[in-house]
Each structure stands twice: as structure tokens, then as C-alpha cells.
């Protein structure tokens, strides 16, 4: 969903790869979008032409991934939840600050309106 919401609609953001745990579920979409599909997150860190990484992987991997992305000196867009505990959240922010990369948290339903009672 993240890729489909952006790909071909912006001249500033283009997805160049998709990393997933379930390639069978994403294969048709990757072909339609013309981007390679991988199951190896580390490969995404090695793209020299990539300035940022969007991560919507397992919540339990967010902290580890943000640290790795920051170490690769790439900007980070991470889906919610940010991390699963305060300690890893603080460490993730510190890693991004130390490497001078932007760290952004996504909430894919932020424009959905709901009345709360």
C-alpha cells in the first residue's frame, strides 16, 4: 500500500526496491510497478542511489532496522508503532541524530476521521 500510494505520483519520491518476508504476496505488485523484490533487508542498505528507506516491516524489527538504516546514512520513514519500548525508541532517535539523518514516523490512517465518544 505504501508503494502504491506514491509510485508514479511524485517526482521527488520513487521506490526502487521492495523487501518483504512474503514474496509470493508482493510479486505481482512488484512486477506491475517494475521494481525488484527481495527478502534481504540488508540489500536495501547497500543501494548507493537510495537516499531514504521506508520501513513497514514487523514491529519487533523497527528499532534494529532504524539503527541499521541510520548507520547506512539513509533517511528513515518508519511505520507505527515506532518501537515497542522506551529504551529502543530513545536509541533509535539517537542513532538517527548521530548520523545526521531525518527520522519520520508514519501513521497511514492519519487523515481518517472518527468521532470519539
PDB file of N, CA and C in Angstrom:
ATOM      1  N   UNK A   1       0.819  -1.195   0.000  1.00  0.00           N
ATOM      2  CA  UNK A   1       0.000   0.000   0.000  1.00  0.00           C
ATOM      3  C   UNK A   1       0.860   1.256   0.000  1.00  0.00           C
ATOM      4  N   UNK A   2       1.936   1.239   0.770  1.00  0.00           N
ATOM      5  CA  UNK A   2       2.793   2.418   0.815  1.00  0.00           C
ATOM      6  C   UNK A   2       3.382   2.721  -0.558  1.00  0.00           C
ATOM      7  N   UNK A   3       3.880   1.704  -1.213  1.00  0.00           N
ATOM      8  CA  UNK A   3       4.483   1.911  -2.524  1.00  0.00           C
ATOM      9  C   UNK A   3       3.433   2.382  -3.522  1.00  0.00           C
ATOM     10  N   UNK A   4       2.293   1.738  -3.531  1.00  0.00           N
ATOM     11  CA  UNK A   4       1.236   2.103  -4.487  1.00  0.00           C
ATOM     12  C   UNK A   4       0.732   3.520  -4.276  1.00  0.00           C
ATOM     13  N   UNK A   5       0.775   4.024  -3.059  1.00  0.00           N
ATOM     14  CA  UNK A   5       0.280   5.367  -2.797  1.00  0.00           C
ATOM     15  C   UNK A   5       1.217   6.452  -3.305  1.00  0.00           C
ATOM     16  N   UNK A   6       2.456   6.094  -3.614  1.00  0.00           N
ATOM     17  CA  UNK A   6       3.454   7.081  -4.022  1.00  0.00           C
ATOM     18  C   UNK A   6       3.969   6.867  -5.447  1.00  0.00           C
ATOM     19  N   UNK A   7       4.228   5.631  -5.796  1.00  0.00           N
ATOM     20  CA  UNK A   7       4.918   5.317  -7.048  1.00  0.00           C
ATOM     21  C   UNK A   7       4.206   5.941  -8.250  1.00  0.00           C
ATOM     22  N   UNK A   8       4.952   6.732  -9.023  1.00  0.00           N
ATOM     23  CA  UNK A   8       4.422   7.354 -10.228  1.00  0.00           C
ATOM     24  C   UNK A   8       3.608   8.612  -9.964  1.00  0.00           C
ATOM     25  N   UNK A   9       3.483   9.012  -8.708  1.00  0.00           N
ATOM     26  CA  UNK A   9       2.669  10.180  -8.361  1.00  0.00           C
ATOM     27  C   UNK A   9       3.501  11.344  -7.851  1.00  0.00           C
ATOM     28  N   UNK A  10       4.794  11.139  -7.734  1.00  0.00           N
ATOM     29  CA  UNK A  10       5.678  12.173  -7.211  1.00  0.00           C
ATOM     30  C   UNK A  10       6.970  12.178  -8.007  1.00  0.00           C
ATOM     31  N   UNK A  11       7.464  13.375  -8.282  1.00  0.00           N
ATOM     32  CA  UNK A  11       8.760  13.458  -8.956  1.00  0.00           C
ATOM     33  C   UNK A  11       9.900  13.522  -7.933  1.00  0.00           C
ATOM     34  N   UNK A  12       9.563  13.499  -6.649  1.00  0.00           N
ATOM     35  CA  UNK A  12      10.567  13.561  -5.594  1.00  0.00           C
ATOM     36  C   UNK A  12      10.811  12.216  -4.916  1.00  0.00           C
ATOM     37  N   UNK A  13       9.822  11.312  -4.970  1.00  0.00           N
ATOM     38  CA  UNK A  13       9.940  10.023  -4.301  1.00  0.00           C
ATOM     39  C   UNK A  13       9.658   8.910  -5.303  1.00  0.00           C
ATOM     40  N   UNK A  14      10.602   7.993  -5.406  1.00  0.00           N
ATOM     41  CA  UNK A  14      10.441   6.830  -6.269  1.00  0.00           C
ATOM     42  C   UNK A  14      10.974   5.617  -5.523  1.00  0.00           C
ATOM     43  N   UNK A  15      10.167   4.585  -5.438  1.00  0.00           N
ATOM     44  CA  UNK A  15      10.619   3.339  -4.830  1.00  0.00           C
ATOM     45  C   UNK A  15      11.419   2.567  -5.864  1.00  0.00           C
ATOM     46  N   UNK A  16      12.574   2.050  -5.439  1.00  0.00           N
ATOM     47  CA  UNK A  16      13.448   1.321  -6.364  1.00  0.00           C
ATOM     48  C   UNK A  16      13.561  -0.155  -6.020  1.00  0.00           C
ATOM     49  N   UNK A  17      12.986  -0.554  -4.884  1.00  0.00           N
ATOM     50  CA  UNK A  17      13.053  -1.942  -4.459  1.00  0.00           C
ATOM     51  C   UNK A  17      11.975  -2.186  -3.414  1.00  0.00           C
ATOM     52  N   UNK A  18      11.581  -3.438  -3.291  1.00  0.00           N
ATOM     53  CA  UNK A  18      10.629  -3.844  -2.267  1.00  0.00           C
ATOM     54  C   UNK A  18      11.225  -5.037  -1.537  1.00  0.00           C
ATOM     55  N   UNK A  19      11.280  -4.939  -0.210  1.00  0.00           N
ATOM     56  CA  UNK A  19      11.776  -6.031   0.616  1.00  0.00           C
ATOM     57  C   UNK A  19      10.599  -6.546   1.432  1.00  0.00           C
ATOM     58  N   UNK A  20      10.393  -7.855   1.394  1.00  0.00           N
ATOM     59  CA  UNK A  20       9.259  -8.436   2.094  1.00  0.00           C
ATOM     60  C   UNK A  20       9.600  -9.810   2.643  1.00  0.00           C
ATOM     61  N   UNK A  21       8.876 -10.214   3.676  1.00  0.00           N
ATOM     62  CA  UNK A  21       9.025 -11.576   4.209  1.00  0.00           C
ATOM     63  C   UNK A  21       8.217 -12.554   3.375  1.00  0.00           C
ATOM     64  N   UNK A  22       7.242 -12.046   2.631  1.00  0.00           N
ATOM     65  CA  UNK A  22       6.309 -12.895   1.886  1.00  0.00           C
ATOM     66  C   UNK A  22       6.310 -12.512   0.405  1.00  0.00           C
ATOM     67  N   UNK A  23       7.334 -12.910  -0.325  1.00  0.00           N
ATOM     68  CA  UNK A  23       7.445 -12.511  -1.726  1.00  0.00           C
ATOM     69  C   UNK A  23       6.263 -12.942  -2.591  1.00  0.00           C
ATOM     70  N   UNK A  24       5.675 -14.064  -2.292  1.00  0.00           N
ATOM     71  CA  UNK A  24       4.539 -14.524  -3.095  1.00  0.00           C
ATOM     72  C   UNK A  24       3.384 -13.524  -3.036  1.00  0.00           C
ATOM     73  N   UNK A  25       3.223 -12.860  -1.890  1.00  0.00           N
ATOM     74  CA  UNK A  25       2.145 -11.889  -1.745  1.00  0.00           C
ATOM     75  C   UNK A  25       2.413 -10.577  -2.462  1.00  0.00           C
ATOM     76  N   UNK A  26       3.683 -10.273  -2.710  1.00  0.00           N
ATOM     77  CA  UNK A  26       4.050  -8.987  -3.300  1.00  0.00           C
ATOM     78  C   UNK A  26       4.550  -9.092  -4.738  1.00  0.00           C
ATOM     79  N   UNK A  27       4.723 -10.281  -5.235  1.00  0.00           N
ATOM     80  CA  UNK A  27       5.354 -10.477  -6.543  1.00  0.00           C
ATOM     81  C   UNK A  27       4.616  -9.781  -7.678  1.00  0.00           C
ATOM     82  N   UNK A  28       3.319  -9.975  -7.786  1.00  0.00           N
ATOM     83  CA  UNK A  28       2.564  -9.356  -8.881  1.00  0.00           C
ATOM     84  C   UNK A  28       2.663  -7.836  -8.830  1.00  0.00           C
ATOM     85  N   UNK A  29       2.541  -7.273  -7.642  1.00  0.00           N
ATOM     86  CA  UNK A  29       2.612  -5.824  -7.498  1.00  0.00           C
ATOM     87  C   UNK A  29       3.998  -5.304  -7.877  1.00  0.00           C
ATOM     88  N   UNK A  30       5.045  -5.996  -7.460  1.00  0.00           N
ATOM     89  CA  UNK A  30       6.402  -5.577  -7.801  1.00  0.00           C
ATOM     90  C   UNK A  30       6.615  -5.598  -9.312  1.00  0.00           C
ATOM     91  N   UNK A  31       6.110  -6.616  -9.972  1.00  0.00           N
ATOM     92  CA  UNK A  31       6.211  -6.696 -11.432  1.00  0.00           C
ATOM     93  C   UNK A  31       5.452  -5.537 -12.072  1.00  0.00           C
ATOM     94  N   UNK A  32       4.239  -5.285 -11.610  1.00  0.00           N
ATOM     95  CA  UNK A  32       3.428  -4.186 -12.164  1.00  0.00           C
ATOM     96  C   UNK A  32       4.104  -2.830 -11.992  1.00  0.00           C
ATOM     97  N   UNK A  33       4.816  -2.661 -10.879  1.00  0.00           N
ATOM     98  CA  UNK A  33       5.496  -1.397 -10.611  1.00  0.00           C
ATOM     99  C   UNK A  33       6.893  -1.339 -11.215  1.00  0.00           C
ATOM    100  N   UNK A  34       7.374  -2.475 -11.688  1.00  0.00           N
ATOM    101  CA  UNK A  34       8.690  -2.518 -12.306  1.00  0.00           C
ATOM    102  C   UNK A  34       9.837  -2.370 -11.319  1.00  0.00           C
ATOM    103  N   UNK A  35       9.662  -2.890 -10.112  1.00  0.00           N
ATOM    104  CA  UNK A  35      10.733  -2.816  -9.122  1.00  0.00           C
ATOM    105  C   UNK A  35      11.110  -4.222  -8.660  1.00  0.00           C
ATOM    106  N   UNK A  36      12.387  -4.429  -8.352  1.00  0.00           N
ATOM    107  CA  UNK A  36      12.807  -5.751  -7.893  1.00  0.00           C
ATOM    108  C   UNK A  36      12.279  -6.051  -6.500  1.00  0.00           C
ATOM    109  N   UNK A  37      12.117  -7.313  -6.239  1.00  0.00           N
ATOM    110  CA  UNK A  37      11.608  -7.798  -4.961  1.00  0.00           C
ATOM    111  C   UNK A  37      12.690  -8.624  -4.290  1.00  0.00           C
ATOM    112  N   UNK A  38      12.847  -8.436  -2.988  1.00  0.00           N
ATOM    113  CA  UNK A  38      13.877  -9.147  -2.242  1.00  0.00           C
ATOM    114  C   UNK A  38      13.336  -9.548  -0.877  1.00  0.00           C
ATOM    115  N   UNK A  39      13.980 -10.522  -0.281  1.00  0.00           N
ATOM    116  CA  UNK A  39      13.662 -10.883   1.100  1.00  0.00           C
ATOM    117  C   UNK A  39      14.806 -10.470   2.039  1.00  0.00           C
ATOM    118  N   UNK A  40      15.816  -9.818   1.494  1.00  0.00           N
ATOM    119  CA  UNK A  40      17.006  -9.466   2.259  1.00  0.00           C
ATOM    120  C   UNK A  40      17.048  -7.961   2.533  1.00  0.00           C
ATOM    121  N   UNK A  41      16.711  -7.580   3.772  1.00  0.00           N
ATOM    122  CA  UNK A  41      16.706  -6.173   4.168  1.00  0.00           C
ATOM    123  C   UNK A  41      18.080  -5.529   3.993  1.00  0.00           C
ATOM    124  N   UNK A  42      19.130  -6.265   4.259  1.00  0.00           N
ATOM    125  CA  UNK A  42      20.487  -5.715   4.154  1.00  0.00           C
ATOM    126  C   UNK A  42      20.805  -5.217   2.752  1.00  0.00           C
ATOM    127  N   UNK A  43      20.226  -5.856   1.738  1.00  0.00           N
ATOM    128  CA  UNK A  43      20.453  -5.397   0.362  1.00  0.00           C
ATOM    129  C   UNK A  43      20.011  -3.956   0.169  1.00  0.00           C
ATOM    130  N   UNK A  44      18.899  -3.585   0.786  1.00  0.00           N
ATOM    131  CA  UNK A  44      18.377  -2.226   0.637  1.00  0.00           C
ATOM    132  C   UNK A  44      19.348  -1.191   1.203  1.00  0.00           C
ATOM    133  N   UNK A  45      20.087  -1.561   2.207  1.00  0.00           N
ATOM    134  CA  UNK A  45      21.037  -0.632   2.815  1.00  0.00           C
ATOM    135  C   UNK A  45      22.215  -0.335   1.902  1.00  0.00           C
ATOM    136  N   UNK A  46      22.473  -1.209   0.943  1.00  0.00           N
ATOM    137  CA  UNK A  46      23.647  -1.079   0.080  1.00  0.00           C
ATOM    138  C   UNK A  46      23.403  -0.324  -1.214  1.00  0.00           C
ATOM    139  N   UNK A  47      22.167   0.055  -1.497  1.00  0.00           N
ATOM    140  CA  UNK A  47      21.897   0.829  -2.711  1.00  0.00           C
ATOM    141  C   UNK A  47      22.537   2.207  -2.580  1.00  0.00           C
ATOM    142  N   UNK A  48      23.477   2.514  -3.453  1.00  0.00           N
ATOM    143  CA  UNK A  48      24.157   3.808  -3.362  1.00  0.00           C
ATOM    144  C   UNK A  48      23.295   4.962  -3.852  1.00  0.00           C
ATOM    145  N   UNK A  49      22.323   4.683  -4.704  1.00  0.00           N
ATOM    146  CA  UNK A  49      21.471   5.745  -5.237  1.00  0.00           C
ATOM    147  C   UNK A  49      20.233   6.014  -4.379  1.00  0.00           C
ATOM    148  N   UNK A  50      20.099   5.329  -3.259  1.00  0.00           N
ATOM    149  CA  UNK A  50      18.936   5.482  -2.390  1.00  0.00           C
ATOM    150  C   UNK A  50      19.273   6.441  -1.253  1.00  0.00           C
ATOM    151  N   UNK A  51      18.409   7.445  -1.070  1.00  0.00           N
ATOM    152  CA  UNK A  51      18.625   8.437  -0.020  1.00  0.00           C
ATOM    153  C   UNK A  51      17.816   8.149   1.242  1.00  0.00           C
ATOM    154  N   UNK A  52      16.754   7.349   1.104  1.00  0.00           N
ATOM    155  CA  UNK A  52      15.880   7.083   2.246  1.00  0.00           C
ATOM    156  C   UNK A  52      15.283   5.688   2.127  1.00  0.00           C
ATOM    157  N   UNK A  53      14.892   5.150   3.266  1.00  0.00           N
ATOM    158  CA  UNK A  53      14.248   3.839   3.304  1.00  0.00           C
ATOM    159  C   UNK A  53      12.944   3.959   4.072  1.00  0.00           C
ATOM    160  N   UNK A  54      11.913   3.401   3.490  1.00  0.00           N
ATOM    161  CA  UNK A  54      10.604   3.324   4.139  1.00  0.00           C
ATOM    162  C   UNK A  54      10.468   1.919   4.700  1.00  0.00           C
ATOM    163  N   UNK A  55      10.146   1.835   5.977  1.00  0.00           N
ATOM    164  CA  UNK A  55      10.016   0.520   6.594  1.00  0.00           C
ATOM    165  C   UNK A  55       8.631   0.339   7.198  1.00  0.00           C
ATOM    166  N   UNK A  56       7.987  -0.732   6.770  1.00  0.00           N
ATOM    167  CA  UNK A  56       6.707  -1.137   7.340  1.00  0.00           C
ATOM    168  C   UNK A  56       6.789  -2.620   7.694  1.00  0.00           C
ATOM    169  N   UNK A  57       7.953  -3.014   8.138  1.00  0.00           N
ATOM    170  CA  UNK A  57       8.198  -4.412   8.485  1.00  0.00           C
ATOM    171  C   UNK A  57       7.615  -4.735   9.859  1.00  0.00           C
ATOM    172  N   UNK A  58       7.965  -5.885  10.372  1.00  0.00           N
ATOM    173  CA  UNK A  58       7.481  -6.303  11.683  1.00  0.00           C
ATOM    174  C   UNK A  58       7.845  -5.284  12.762  1.00  0.00           C
ATOM    175  N   UNK A  59       6.906  -5.002  13.643  1.00  0.00           N
ATOM    176  CA  UNK A  59       7.135  -4.034  14.714  1.00  0.00           C
ATOM    177  C   UNK A  59       8.329  -4.410  15.571  1.00  0.00           C
ATOM    178  N   UNK A  60       8.526  -5.700  15.757  1.00  0.00           N
ATOM    179  CA  UNK A  60       9.630  -6.162  16.597  1.00  0.00           C
ATOM    180  C   UNK A  60      10.993  -5.865  15.977  1.00  0.00           C
ATOM    181  N   UNK A  61      11.020  -5.526  14.693  1.00  0.00           N
ATOM    182  CA  UNK A  61      12.275  -5.245  13.994  1.00  0.00           C
ATOM    183  C   UNK A  61      12.542  -3.757  13.806  1.00  0.00           C
ATOM    184  N   UNK A  62      11.603  -2.909  14.170  1.00  0.00           N
ATOM    185  CA  UNK A  62      11.748  -1.483  13.887  1.00  0.00           C
ATOM    186  C   UNK A  62      13.012  -0.874  14.472  1.00  0.00           C
ATOM    187  N   UNK A  63      13.278  -1.087  15.744  1.00  0.00           N
ATOM    188  CA  UNK A  63      14.447  -0.475  16.378  1.00  0.00           C
ATOM    189  C   UNK A  63      15.738  -0.916  15.697  1.00  0.00           C
ATOM    190  N   UNK A  64      15.866  -2.201  15.471  1.00  0.00           N
ATOM    191  CA  UNK A  64      17.066  -2.738  14.818  1.00  0.00           C
ATOM    192  C   UNK A  64      17.216  -2.166  13.405  1.00  0.00           C
ATOM    193  N   UNK A  65      16.118  -2.090  12.681  1.00  0.00           N
ATOM    194  CA  UNK A  65      16.173  -1.569  11.315  1.00  0.00           C
ATOM    195  C   UNK A  65      16.529  -0.088  11.286  1.00  0.00           C
ATOM    196  N   UNK A  66      15.935   0.692  12.181  1.00  0.00           N
ATOM    197  CA  UNK A  66      16.251   2.126  12.194  1.00  0.00           C
ATOM    198  C   UNK A  66      17.725   2.362  12.477  1.00  0.00           C
ATOM    199  N   UNK A  67      18.289   1.594  13.387  1.00  0.00           N
ATOM    200  CA  UNK A  67      19.710   1.727  13.684  1.00  0.00           C
ATOM    201  C   UNK A  67      20.550   1.378  12.459  1.00  0.00           C
ATOM    202  N   UNK A  68      20.187   0.317  11.756  1.00  0.00           N
ATOM    203  CA  UNK A  68      20.922  -0.093  10.555  1.00  0.00           C
ATOM    204  C   UNK A  68      20.765   0.932   9.426  1.00  0.00           C
ATOM    205  N   UNK A  69      19.564   1.453   9.261  1.00  0.00           N
ATOM    206  CA  UNK A  69      19.327   2.452   8.210  1.00  0.00           C
ATOM    207  C   UNK A  69      20.126   3.721   8.506  1.00  0.00           C
ATOM    208  N   UNK A  70      20.100   4.160   9.754  1.00  0.00           N
ATOM    209  CA  UNK A  70      20.872   5.349  10.134  1.00  0.00           C
ATOM    210  C   UNK A  70      22.361   5.125   9.903  1.00  0.00           C
ATOM    211  N   UNK A  71      22.864   3.948  10.267  1.00  0.00           N
ATOM    212  CA  UNK A  71      24.283   3.636  10.063  1.00  0.00           C
ATOM    213  C   UNK A  71      24.650   3.658   8.580  1.00  0.00           C
ATOM    214  N   UNK A  72      23.678   3.347   7.725  1.00  0.00           N
ATOM    215  CA  UNK A  72      23.905   3.400   6.277  1.00  0.00           C
ATOM    216  C   UNK A  72      23.748   4.824   5.737  1.00  0.00           C
ATOM    217  N   UNK A  73      23.473   5.762   6.646  1.00  0.00           N
ATOM    218  CA  UNK A  73      23.340   7.186   6.315  1.00  0.00           C
ATOM    219  C   UNK A  73      22.200   7.459   5.338  1.00  0.00           C
ATOM    220  N   UNK A  74      21.092   6.780   5.588  1.00  0.00           N
ATOM    221  CA  UNK A  74      19.891   6.982   4.780  1.00  0.00           C
ATOM    222  C   UNK A  74      18.778   7.502   5.694  1.00  0.00           C
ATOM    223  N   UNK A  75      17.965   8.392   5.159  1.00  0.00           N
ATOM    224  CA  UNK A  75      16.841   8.909   5.915  1.00  0.00           C
ATOM    225  C   UNK A  75      15.843   7.779   6.150  1.00  0.00           C
ATOM    226  N   UNK A  76      15.016   7.932   7.188  1.00  0.00           N
ATOM    227  CA  UNK A  76      14.150   6.840   7.639  1.00  0.00           C
ATOM    228  C   UNK A  76      12.699   7.293   7.740  1.00  0.00           C
ATOM    229  N   UNK A  77      11.812   6.533   7.138  1.00  0.00           N
ATOM    230  CA  UNK A  77      10.375   6.671   7.358  1.00  0.00           C
ATOM    231  C   UNK A  77       9.923   5.331   7.901  1.00  0.00           C
ATOM    232  N   UNK A  78       9.498   5.311   9.149  1.00  0.00           N
ATOM    233  CA  UNK A  78       9.120   4.064   9.814  1.00  0.00           C
ATOM    234  C   UNK A  78       7.627   4.093  10.105  1.00  0.00           C
ATOM    235  N   UNK A  79       6.968   2.998   9.856  1.00  0.00           N
ATOM    236  CA  UNK A  79       5.541   2.897  10.177  1.00  0.00           C
ATOM    237  C   UNK A  79       5.362   2.723  11.674  1.00  0.00           C
ATOM    238  N   UNK A  80       4.213   3.078  12.158  1.00  0.00           N
ATOM    239  CA  UNK A  80       3.896   2.899  13.577  1.00  0.00           C
ATOM    240  C   UNK A  80       3.703   1.421  13.886  1.00  0.00           C
ATOM    241  N   UNK A  81       3.865   0.983  15.081  1.00  0.00           N
ATOM    242  CA  UNK A  81       4.412   1.734  16.194  1.00  0.00           C
ATOM    243  C   UNK A  81       5.906   1.955  16.019  1.00  0.00           C
ATOM    244  N   UNK A  82       6.383   3.045  16.575  1.00  0.00           N
ATOM    245  CA  UNK A  82       7.779   3.431  16.423  1.00  0.00           C
ATOM    246  C   UNK A  82       8.706   2.309  16.875  1.00  0.00           C
ATOM    247  N   UNK A  83       8.630   1.951  18.123  1.00  0.00           N
ATOM    248  CA  UNK A  83       9.313   0.783  18.691  1.00  0.00           C
ATOM    249  C   UNK A  83       8.384   0.192  19.739  1.00  0.00           C
ATOM    250  N   UNK A  84       8.821  -0.849  20.380  1.00  0.00           N
ATOM    251  CA  UNK A  84       7.972  -1.499  21.370  1.00  0.00           C
ATOM    252  C   UNK A  84       8.311  -1.128  22.816  1.00  0.00           C
ATOM    253  N   UNK A  85       9.360  -0.314  23.007  1.00  0.00           N
ATOM    254  CA  UNK A  85       9.696   0.130  24.362  1.00  0.00           C
ATOM    255  C   UNK A  85      10.461   1.454  24.303  1.00  0.00           C
ATOM    256  N   UNK A  86      10.502   2.123  25.426  1.00  0.00           N
ATOM    257  CA  UNK A  86      11.120   3.444  25.510  1.00  0.00           C
ATOM    258  C   UNK A  86      12.619   3.394  25.248  1.00  0.00           C
ATOM    259  N   UNK A  87      13.288   2.423  25.777  1.00  0.00           N
ATOM    260  CA  UNK A  87      14.739   2.333  25.616  1.00  0.00           C
ATOM    261  C   UNK A  87      15.130   2.244  24.140  1.00  0.00           C
ATOM    262  N   UNK A  88      14.457   1.378  23.393  1.00  0.00           N
ATOM    263  CA  UNK A  88      14.798   1.241  21.969  1.00  0.00           C
ATOM    264  C   UNK A  88      14.354   2.471  21.176  1.00  0.00           C
ATOM    265  N   UNK A  89      13.296   3.138  21.602  1.00  0.00           N
ATOM    266  CA  UNK A  89      12.864   4.370  20.931  1.00  0.00           C
ATOM    267  C   UNK A  89      13.935   5.447  21.087  1.00  0.00           C
ATOM    268  N   UNK A  90      14.430   5.622  22.286  1.00  0.00           N
ATOM    269  CA  UNK A  90      15.474   6.618  22.536  1.00  0.00           C
ATOM    270  C   UNK A  90      16.735   6.281  21.755  1.00  0.00           C
ATOM    271  N   UNK A  91      17.112   5.010  21.726  1.00  0.00           N
ATOM    272  CA  UNK A  91      18.304   4.586  20.983  1.00  0.00           C
ATOM    273  C   UNK A  91      18.130   4.822  19.487  1.00  0.00           C
ATOM    274  N   UNK A  92      16.941   4.604  18.961  1.00  0.00           N
ATOM    275  CA  UNK A  92      16.685   4.805  17.532  1.00  0.00           C
ATOM    276  C   UNK A  92      16.801   6.280  17.158  1.00  0.00           C
ATOM    277  N   UNK A  93      16.224   7.143  17.979  1.00  0.00           N
ATOM    278  CA  UNK A  93      16.325   8.587  17.738  1.00  0.00           C
ATOM    279  C   UNK A  93      17.775   9.030  17.813  1.00  0.00           C
ATOM    280  N   UNK A  94      18.501   8.527  18.803  1.00  0.00           N
ATOM    281  CA  UNK A  94      19.916   8.874  18.946  1.00  0.00           C
ATOM    282  C   UNK A  94      20.722   8.428  17.732  1.00  0.00           C
ATOM    283  N   UNK A  95      20.452   7.230  17.228  1.00  0.00           N
ATOM    284  CA  UNK A  95      21.176   6.729  16.054  1.00  0.00           C
ATOM    285  C   UNK A  95      20.955   7.653  14.855  1.00  0.00           C
ATOM    286  N   UNK A  96      19.719   8.076  14.647  1.00  0.00           N
ATOM    287  CA  UNK A  96      19.423   8.974  13.530  1.00  0.00           C
ATOM    288  C   UNK A  96      20.114  10.323  13.721  1.00  0.00           C
ATOM    289  N   UNK A  97      20.038  10.868  14.907  1.00  0.00           N
ATOM    290  CA  UNK A  97      20.698  12.158  15.195  1.00  0.00           C
ATOM    291  C   UNK A  97      22.201  12.052  14.999  1.00  0.00           C
ATOM    292  N   UNK A  98      22.794  10.993  15.525  1.00  0.00           N
ATOM    293  CA  UNK A  98      24.246  10.820  15.423  1.00  0.00           C
ATOM    294  C   UNK A  98      24.714  10.749  13.980  1.00  0.00           C
ATOM    295  N   UNK A  99      23.891  10.172  13.104  1.00  0.00           N
ATOM    296  CA  UNK A  99      24.273  10.032  11.695  1.00  0.00           C
ATOM    297  C   UNK A  99      23.767  11.195  10.843  1.00  0.00           C
ATOM    298  N   UNK A 100      22.989  12.088  11.440  1.00  0.00           N
ATOM    299  CA  UNK A 100      22.506  13.266  10.712  1.00  0.00           C
ATOM    300  C   UNK A 100      21.440  12.959   9.683  1.00  0.00           C
ATOM    301  N   UNK A 101      20.626  11.944   9.954  1.00  0.00           N
ATOM    302  CA  UNK A 101      19.556  11.601   9.010  1.00  0.00           C
ATOM    303  C   UNK A 101      18.195  11.953   9.606  1.00  0.00           C
ATOM    304  N   UNK A 102      17.250  12.213   8.727  1.00  0.00           N
ATOM    305  CA  UNK A 102      15.888  12.509   9.144  1.00  0.00           C
ATOM    306  C   UNK A 102      15.195  11.207   9.516  1.00  0.00           C
ATOM    307  N   UNK A 103      14.487  11.229  10.618  1.00  0.00           N
ATOM    308  CA  UNK A 103      13.713  10.082  11.078  1.00  0.00           C
ATOM    309  C   UNK A 103      12.265  10.528  11.200  1.00  0.00           C
ATOM    310  N   UNK A 104      11.376   9.890  10.441  1.00  0.00           N
ATOM    311  CA  UNK A 104       9.962  10.250  10.457  1.00  0.00           C
ATOM    312  C   UNK A 104       9.117   9.032  10.778  1.00  0.00           C
ATOM    313  N   UNK A 105       8.065   9.260  11.538  1.00  0.00           N
ATOM    314  CA  UNK A 105       7.135   8.208  11.916  1.00  0.00           C
ATOM    315  C   UNK A 105       5.866   8.354  11.097  1.00  0.00           C
ATOM    316  N   UNK A 106       5.434   7.259  10.482  1.00  0.00           N
ATOM    317  CA  UNK A 106       4.234   7.286   9.659  1.00  0.00           C
ATOM    318  C   UNK A 106       3.032   6.705  10.371  1.00  0.00           C
ATOM    319  N   UNK A 107       1.923   7.326  10.128  1.00  0.00           N
ATOM    320  CA  UNK A 107       0.635   6.819  10.607  1.00  0.00           C
ATOM    321  C   UNK A 107      -0.255   6.827   9.372  1.00  0.00           C
ATOM    322  N   UNK A 108      -0.388   5.669   8.738  1.00  0.00           N
ATOM    323  CA  UNK A 108      -1.031   5.608   7.425  1.00  0.00           C
ATOM    324  C   UNK A 108      -2.518   5.939   7.451  1.00  0.00           C
ATOM    325  N   UNK A 109      -3.101   6.083   8.598  1.00  0.00           N
ATOM    326  CA  UNK A 109      -4.512   6.443   8.672  1.00  0.00           C
ATOM    327  C   UNK A 109      -4.710   7.794   9.354  1.00  0.00           C
ATOM    328  N   UNK A 110      -3.695   8.643   9.268  1.00  0.00           N
ATOM    329  CA  UNK A 110      -3.765   9.909   9.989  1.00  0.00           C
ATOM    330  C   UNK A 110      -4.838  10.848   9.466  1.00  0.00           C
ATOM    331  N   UNK A 111      -5.298  10.649   8.240  1.00  0.00           N
ATOM    332  CA  UNK A 111      -6.336  11.521   7.710  1.00  0.00           C
ATOM    333  C   UNK A 111      -7.726  10.907   7.807  1.00  0.00           C
ATOM    334  N   UNK A 112      -7.831   9.753   8.407  1.00  0.00           N
ATOM    335  CA  UNK A 112      -9.144   9.155   8.639  1.00  0.00           C
ATOM    336  C   UNK A 112      -9.782   9.865   9.831  1.00  0.00           C
ATOM    337  N   UNK A 113     -11.013  10.259   9.664  1.00  0.00           N
ATOM    338  CA  UNK A 113     -11.707  10.963  10.744  1.00  0.00           C
ATOM    339  C   UNK A 113     -12.665  10.007  11.432  1.00  0.00           C
ATOM    340  N   UNK A 114     -12.663  10.087  12.724  1.00  0.00           N
ATOM    341  CA  UNK A 114     -13.520   9.223  13.509  1.00  0.00           C
ATOM    342  C   UNK A 114     -14.006  10.005  14.724  1.00  0.00           C
ATOM    343  N   UNK A 115     -15.243   9.912  14.994  1.00  0.00           N
ATOM    344  CA  UNK A 115     -15.733  10.622  16.182  1.00  0.00           C
ATOM    345  C   UNK A 115     -15.537   9.732  17.396  1.00  0.00           C
ATOM    346  N   UNK A 116     -15.003  10.308  18.427  1.00  0.00           N
ATOM    347  CA  UNK A 116     -14.746   9.600  19.678  1.00  0.00           C
ATOM    348  C   UNK A 116     -15.801  10.000  20.685  1.00  0.00           C
ATOM    349  N   UNK A 117     -16.368   9.047  21.359  1.00  0.00           N
ATOM    350  CA  UNK A 117     -17.380   9.345  22.378  1.00  0.00           C
ATOM    351  C   UNK A 117     -16.883   9.018  23.746  1.00  0.00           C
TER     352      UNK A 117
END
